[in-house]
Amino acid sequence: MQTENQEMIENVTYDELFVGQSARLLRTLTLEDIQAFAAVSGDTNPAHLDPEYANDTMFHGVIAHGMWGGALISALLGTKFPGPGTIYLQQDLHFSRPVRIGDTLSVVATVLSKEDEKKRVELDCLVENQKGEKVLYGTARIIAPTQKILRPKLSAPHIQLFDPEARLRSLLERASNLKALPCAVVHPCDVESLTGAIDSAKAGLIVPILIGPAKKILACAQAGQLDISAYELVDVPHSHAAADRASEMAAKAQVQIMMKGSLHTDELLHAVLARSELRTGRRMSHVFRFDIPMYSKPLLVTDAALNIRPTLMDKVDIIQNAIDFSQIMGVQNPKVAILSAIETVSPDIPSTIEAAALCKMAQRKQIKGAVLDGPLAFDNAISAHSALVKGIESLVAGDADILAVPDLESGNILAKQLEYFAGASGAGLVLGARIPIALTSRADGPRTRVASALLALLVAHSQIKS
């Protein structure tokens, strides 16, 4: 159904075409165009995607895929000239000059000949850049439409580009000038956790000390074809002993980071809490850092892994831990959204009352270094449009840096939804002890483990400075 002021698309039929007739399309190449073409075609040639590699090629920089220009010819023929109803038969192309980001291309198709019996048309195709330089040319053969078509113009499907590897590289750059620190890798007795530790070491983040049953660790290294000969291996009989030894080394400042391997989280944290030297007087809590395709900036979620049913005073520590971490990550005055099911205070939903109390505590400087608002429902915490529709006036709504969840169950569900439904790339660690603990799930891959080690390194260096 056509709506008022909707743009229309109209074809040019065979009978309306004449030799010498032409049409033009203009398009400026963006980095997003290159990335989208690579995603759709699967052509990930580094000449198009890797500036470091591309700078050493004969083109001295990133260039567009050659067929991106060919796709523009197809767009002109399919949507404008002749337009809907056109059937492509043949296309020959000659590539004469690279196309770079920022180039504006003029795509011109001109009728060369017509064949009345089969309604076939031959067109000259020419693509030039903004300097008038020919970058692509050739001829196309088509069957032209014979019936007039006038329809509302459809919007192209939206492509959301997200490159986890690029996000990880950007994150790793934050530690480019930081010294790798000794890290107790606790019970790395599966290939995944051992690989994550070795990858973190290769990235210059940690100096791993592998603590666990030596035979199991060596068997995992062999199974994963990992060379661990350069790393210290501390042989202990089981996971309990590994957690105890790691905590002892941390208490003696022999390591500045701990990394969870293939043991239960409560087993590791129990050993940490047993050492008074590792306590800070603040409750330990977990924080996830997510890069999310549909959100404009990194988002922290806390606590989704440690505190099951935190009290009001537990939440003070949980939020303060997240604020301090956010500041280490470069957000000096983070916006904290305290989540609940609704955005109004209700005695029937205790989390809304606690959210309001936490905001008042922030006003009284019992929580420092951030702007807090709550209760906020998830939608108006991260969507400015939702907040506007609901009439919420807030510095936090629609622009949150930190989501403080009501309890572990809701937080864990939210974190997994972000990862599995929203395609988020995440990493996590435990805060509130004398050293940071890189805490990962058994299902996490090496990239997540490296990212968690990076976060731990940043926190550890911050603690050393203080």
Foldseek 3Di string as FASTA:
>chain_A
DDDPPFAKFKFQFLVRDDAFDKDKDKDAAALVLQLVCCVVVVPPPCLAPPQVVVCPDPVNGHFHDPCVVVVVLVVCVDGHYRHPPKFWDDKDKDFDDTHDHGWMKMWMWGWHDADVVQQKTKIWIFIATPVRHTGMTTMTIIRGHHDIDMGGDDDDDDDQDDDLVVVLVVLLVVCPPPAAWAEEEAAQQALFSVLLVVVLVVSRHYQYAYEEAPVSVVVRCVVNVHDCVVHHYHHDYHRLVSLLVRLVCVLVVVTQEYEYHPDDPVSNVVNNVVDPSWFDPADKAKKKWKDFSPADDIAIETHQPDFAQDDLRNLLRGVLQVLVLVVLVPDQAFEEAEEDQAFADDPVGVSQVSLVVVQVCVVVVSRDRYHYGDDHHPCQQQQVVVCVVVVHDDPRGNPGRYYYYRGNVVRNVVVVCRVPVRVMQMFMWMDRTLAIYGYDDPPDGSSRSSSSSSSRSSVSVVSVVD
